[in-house]
Amino acid sequence: MSETLRTELAIEAPDDFYQRLIDAHEGLSDDESMRLNARLVLLLANHVGDGDILDQAIDAARAAGSQP
């Protein structure tokens, strides 16, 4: 049975995580910031490892980006 992408909030202390993410970009150029994001996505995708879940995540992110 294939798993479903978990979309409910599961991050412990989400505000702290968000601040850590913002802080990681401090002092970076736009290009460096985009490369940091790309590396982070690839590291997390590797951690997830399930191709079906990753496909669902891509679809969800694309759909969220097209909403106002």
N, C-alpha and C. Protein backbone atom coordinates (compact mmCIF):
# COMPACT_ATOMS: atom_id res chain seq x y z
N MET A 1 0.84 -1.17 0.00
CA MET A 1 0.00 0.00 0.00
C MET A 1 0.89 1.24 0.00
N SER A 2 0.57 2.18 -0.87
CA SER A 2 1.34 3.40 -0.99
C SER A 2 0.96 4.38 0.13
N GLU A 3 1.93 5.07 0.62
CA GLU A 3 1.68 6.06 1.65
C GLU A 3 1.18 7.35 1.02
N THR A 4 0.61 8.21 1.85
CA THR A 4 0.13 9.52 1.41
C THR A 4 0.97 10.59 2.08
N LEU A 5 1.24 11.63 1.33
CA LEU A 5 2.00 12.76 1.85
C LEU A 5 1.30 13.34 3.08
N ARG A 6 2.03 13.49 4.15
CA ARG A 6 1.50 14.10 5.37
C ARG A 6 1.56 15.61 5.20
N THR A 7 0.41 16.28 5.27
CA THR A 7 0.39 17.73 5.08
C THR A 7 -0.01 18.49 6.34
N GLU A 8 -0.41 17.76 7.39
CA GLU A 8 -0.72 18.45 8.64
C GLU A 8 0.59 18.84 9.32
N LEU A 9 0.53 19.89 10.11
CA LEU A 9 1.72 20.40 10.79
C LEU A 9 2.32 19.33 11.69
N ALA A 10 3.58 19.01 11.45
CA ALA A 10 4.27 17.98 12.24
C ALA A 10 5.61 18.48 12.76
N ILE A 11 5.94 19.72 12.49
CA ILE A 11 7.22 20.27 12.93
C ILE A 11 7.09 20.74 14.37
N GLU A 12 7.97 20.22 15.21
CA GLU A 12 8.01 20.68 16.59
C GLU A 12 8.57 22.10 16.59
N ALA A 13 7.92 23.02 17.24
CA ALA A 13 8.32 24.42 17.31
C ALA A 13 8.51 25.02 15.90
N PRO A 14 7.43 25.10 15.13
CA PRO A 14 7.54 25.56 13.75
C PRO A 14 8.09 26.98 13.61
N ASP A 15 7.76 27.85 14.54
CA ASP A 15 8.29 29.21 14.47
C ASP A 15 9.80 29.23 14.64
N ASP A 16 10.30 28.38 15.52
CA ASP A 16 11.76 28.28 15.71
C ASP A 16 12.42 27.74 14.45
N PHE A 17 11.80 26.73 13.84
CA PHE A 17 12.35 26.18 12.60
C PHE A 17 12.37 27.24 11.51
N TYR A 18 11.26 27.98 11.37
CA TYR A 18 11.19 29.02 10.34
C TYR A 18 12.29 30.06 10.55
N GLN A 19 12.49 30.47 11.80
CA GLN A 19 13.55 31.45 12.08
C GLN A 19 14.92 30.90 11.74
N ARG A 20 15.15 29.63 12.05
CA ARG A 20 16.44 28.99 11.72
C ARG A 20 16.65 28.97 10.21
N LEU A 21 15.58 28.69 9.47
CA LEU A 21 15.66 28.69 8.00
C LEU A 21 15.97 30.08 7.47
N ILE A 22 15.28 31.09 7.99
CA ILE A 22 15.55 32.48 7.57
C ILE A 22 16.98 32.86 7.91
N ASP A 23 17.42 32.53 9.11
CA ASP A 23 18.78 32.86 9.55
C ASP A 23 19.83 32.20 8.67
N ALA A 24 19.54 31.00 8.16
CA ALA A 24 20.50 30.29 7.30
C ALA A 24 20.77 31.05 6.01
N HIS A 25 19.85 31.91 5.61
CA HIS A 25 20.00 32.68 4.36
C HIS A 25 20.65 34.04 4.58
N GLU A 26 20.85 34.40 5.83
CA GLU A 26 21.41 35.72 6.14
C GLU A 26 22.79 35.89 5.51
N GLY A 27 22.96 36.99 4.82
CA GLY A 27 24.25 37.32 4.21
C GLY A 27 24.52 36.63 2.89
N LEU A 28 23.60 35.80 2.41
CA LEU A 28 23.80 35.11 1.15
C LEU A 28 23.26 35.94 -0.01
N SER A 29 23.90 35.82 -1.15
CA SER A 29 23.37 36.43 -2.37
C SER A 29 22.12 35.64 -2.79
N ASP A 30 21.37 36.18 -3.74
CA ASP A 30 20.20 35.46 -4.24
C ASP A 30 20.60 34.09 -4.78
N ASP A 31 21.71 34.04 -5.52
CA ASP A 31 22.18 32.77 -6.09
C ASP A 31 22.57 31.79 -4.99
N GLU A 32 23.30 32.26 -4.00
CA GLU A 32 23.70 31.39 -2.88
C GLU A 32 22.48 30.90 -2.12
N SER A 33 21.49 31.77 -1.95
CA SER A 33 20.26 31.40 -1.26
C SER A 33 19.50 30.32 -2.03
N MET A 34 19.42 30.46 -3.34
CA MET A 34 18.75 29.44 -4.16
C MET A 34 19.49 28.11 -4.09
N ARG A 35 20.83 28.15 -4.08
CA ARG A 35 21.60 26.91 -3.98
C ARG A 35 21.42 26.26 -2.61
N LEU A 36 21.34 27.06 -1.55
CA LEU A 36 21.07 26.53 -0.21
C LEU A 36 19.71 25.82 -0.21
N ASN A 37 18.69 26.47 -0.77
CA ASN A 37 17.37 25.85 -0.84
C ASN A 37 17.41 24.54 -1.62
N ALA A 38 18.12 24.53 -2.73
CA ALA A 38 18.21 23.32 -3.55
C ALA A 38 18.90 22.19 -2.77
N ARG A 39 19.98 22.51 -2.08
CA ARG A 39 20.67 21.48 -1.29
C ARG A 39 19.77 20.95 -0.18
N LEU A 40 19.04 21.85 0.47
CA LEU A 40 18.14 21.44 1.54
C LEU A 40 17.04 20.53 1.00
N VAL A 41 16.46 20.89 -0.14
CA VAL A 41 15.42 20.05 -0.75
C VAL A 41 15.97 18.67 -1.07
N LEU A 42 17.16 18.61 -1.66
CA LEU A 42 17.73 17.31 -2.01
C LEU A 42 18.07 16.47 -0.78
N LEU A 43 18.57 17.10 0.27
CA LEU A 43 18.84 16.37 1.51
C LEU A 43 17.56 15.80 2.11
N LEU A 44 16.51 16.62 2.17
CA LEU A 44 15.25 16.16 2.73
C LEU A 44 14.59 15.11 1.84
N ALA A 45 14.69 15.26 0.52
CA ALA A 45 14.15 14.27 -0.40
C ALA A 45 14.86 12.94 -0.21
N ASN A 46 16.16 12.98 -0.03
CA ASN A 46 16.91 11.75 0.21
C ASN A 46 16.46 11.10 1.52
N HIS A 47 16.20 11.92 2.52
CA HIS A 47 15.75 11.39 3.81
C HIS A 47 14.39 10.73 3.67
N VAL A 48 13.48 11.34 2.93
CA VAL A 48 12.15 10.76 2.70
C VAL A 48 12.29 9.47 1.90
N GLY A 49 12.99 9.56 0.79
CA GLY A 49 13.33 8.39 0.01
C GLY A 49 12.22 7.74 -0.81
N ASP A 50 10.97 7.96 -0.50
CA ASP A 50 9.85 7.31 -1.19
C ASP A 50 9.44 8.15 -2.40
N GLY A 51 9.61 7.60 -3.59
CA GLY A 51 9.32 8.33 -4.81
C GLY A 51 7.88 8.78 -4.93
N ASP A 52 6.93 7.95 -4.47
CA ASP A 52 5.52 8.35 -4.52
C ASP A 52 5.25 9.55 -3.62
N ILE A 53 5.83 9.55 -2.44
CA ILE A 53 5.66 10.68 -1.52
C ILE A 53 6.30 11.93 -2.10
N LEU A 54 7.48 11.78 -2.70
CA LEU A 54 8.15 12.93 -3.30
C LEU A 54 7.34 13.49 -4.46
N ASP A 55 6.73 12.63 -5.27
CA ASP A 55 5.87 13.09 -6.36
C ASP A 55 4.67 13.87 -5.81
N GLN A 56 4.09 13.36 -4.73
CA GLN A 56 2.96 14.06 -4.11
C GLN A 56 3.40 15.43 -3.57
N ALA A 57 4.60 15.49 -3.02
CA ALA A 57 5.11 16.75 -2.48
C ALA A 57 5.34 17.76 -3.60
N ILE A 58 5.88 17.31 -4.72
CA ILE A 58 6.09 18.20 -5.87
C ILE A 58 4.75 18.73 -6.36
N ASP A 59 3.78 17.84 -6.51
CA ASP A 59 2.45 18.25 -6.97
C ASP A 59 1.81 19.25 -6.00
N ALA A 60 1.93 18.99 -4.70
CA ALA A 60 1.34 19.88 -3.70
C ALA A 60 2.03 21.24 -3.71
N ALA A 61 3.34 21.25 -3.85
CA ALA A 61 4.07 22.52 -3.87
C ALA A 61 3.72 23.33 -5.11
N ARG A 62 3.59 22.66 -6.25
CA ARG A 62 3.19 23.37 -7.48
C ARG A 62 1.79 23.93 -7.35
N ALA A 63 0.88 23.17 -6.79
CA ALA A 63 -0.50 23.63 -6.63
C ALA A 63 -0.57 24.82 -5.67
N ALA A 64 0.19 24.75 -4.59
CA ALA A 64 0.19 25.86 -3.62
C ALA A 64 0.78 27.12 -4.22
N GLY A 65 1.76 26.95 -5.11
CA GLY A 65 2.38 28.11 -5.74
C GLY A 65 1.50 28.81 -6.75
N SER A 66 0.46 28.13 -7.23
CA SER A 66 -0.41 28.73 -8.23
C SER A 66 -1.63 29.38 -7.60
N GLN A 67 -1.76 29.30 -6.29
CA GLN A 67 -2.90 29.91 -5.61
C GLN A 67 -2.53 31.32 -5.18
N PRO A 68 -3.52 32.23 -5.22
CA PRO A 68 -3.24 33.63 -4.82
C PRO A 68 -2.91 33.79 -3.37
